[in-house]
Amino acid sequence: MKRMMRKLSRDERGQNTVEYLLMVAIVGGVILVLGKMFAPQIGALFKQVMGQISGAATSAGTPGNG
């Protein structure tokens, strides 16, 4: 019985799993908070990039640009 208890007390697989899950939860929480904080700036950036892509596609389709 003592031998089994010692073996179980040295087994750290469950502890490692909990540590990884906590780390993933913290990183996920930070990403969510930052996403909420910077949502307007991210949206404006995507609109700007889409406008540039649209302009490039339009100018590439006009004759004499090739």
Protein backbone atom coordinates (compact mmCIF):
# COMPACT_ATOMS: atom_id res chain seq x y z
CA MET A 1 0.00 0.00 0.00
CA LYS A 2 2.79 2.43 0.85
CA ARG A 3 4.54 1.63 -2.39
CA MET A 4 1.39 2.45 -4.38
CA MET A 5 0.90 5.74 -2.51
CA ARG A 6 4.49 6.77 -3.21
CA LYS A 7 4.07 5.94 -6.87
CA LEU A 8 0.85 7.99 -7.08
CA SER A 9 2.41 10.93 -5.27
CA ARG A 10 5.28 11.01 -7.78
CA ASP A 11 2.99 10.83 -10.80
CA GLU A 12 2.78 14.39 -12.15
CA ARG A 13 0.94 13.79 -15.43
CA GLY A 14 -2.31 15.23 -14.11
CA GLN A 15 -0.54 18.24 -12.70
CA ASN A 16 1.08 19.01 -16.04
CA THR A 17 -2.28 18.76 -17.79
CA VAL A 18 -3.86 21.23 -15.37
CA GLU A 19 -0.95 23.63 -15.80
CA TYR A 20 -1.28 23.53 -19.60
CA LEU A 21 -5.04 24.05 -19.42
CA LEU A 22 -4.59 27.06 -17.13
CA MET A 23 -1.99 28.50 -19.49
CA VAL A 24 -4.29 28.05 -22.50
CA ALA A 25 -7.17 29.66 -20.61
CA ILE A 26 -5.05 32.67 -19.63
CA VAL A 27 -3.71 33.17 -23.15
CA GLY A 28 -7.23 32.84 -24.57
CA GLY A 29 -8.54 35.40 -22.09
CA VAL A 30 -5.80 37.87 -22.96
CA ILE A 31 -6.53 37.45 -26.67
CA LEU A 32 -10.24 38.07 -26.09
CA VAL A 33 -9.60 41.19 -24.02
CA LEU A 34 -7.14 42.60 -26.55
CA GLY A 35 -9.55 41.81 -29.38
CA LYS A 36 -12.33 43.74 -27.65
CA MET A 37 -10.01 46.67 -26.91
CA PHE A 38 -8.65 47.00 -30.44
CA ALA A 39 -11.76 46.01 -32.43
CA PRO A 40 -12.32 49.47 -33.97
CA GLN A 41 -8.69 49.78 -35.07
CA ILE A 42 -8.66 46.26 -36.48
CA GLY A 43 -11.86 46.92 -38.42
CA ALA A 44 -10.45 50.14 -39.89
CA LEU A 45 -7.25 48.37 -40.86
CA PHE A 46 -9.16 45.62 -42.69
CA LYS A 47 -11.27 48.22 -44.54
CA GLN A 48 -8.10 50.03 -45.61
CA VAL A 49 -6.49 46.81 -46.86
CA MET A 50 -9.67 45.79 -48.70
CA GLY A 51 -9.78 49.21 -50.39
CA GLN A 52 -6.17 48.87 -51.53
CA ILE A 53 -6.79 45.37 -52.88
CA SER A 54 -9.94 46.52 -54.66
CA GLY A 55 -8.10 49.47 -56.19
CA ALA A 56 -5.24 47.27 -57.35
CA ALA A 57 -7.66 44.76 -58.87
CA THR A 58 -9.55 47.53 -60.66
CA SER A 59 -6.39 49.13 -62.08
CA ALA A 60 -5.03 45.73 -63.12
CA GLY A 61 -8.16 45.16 -65.18
CA THR A 62 -7.86 48.40 -67.19
CA PRO A 63 -6.18 48.29 -70.61
CA GLY A 64 -2.60 49.55 -70.83
CA ASN A 65 -1.51 48.34 -67.34
CA GLY A 66 0.28 45.24 -68.19
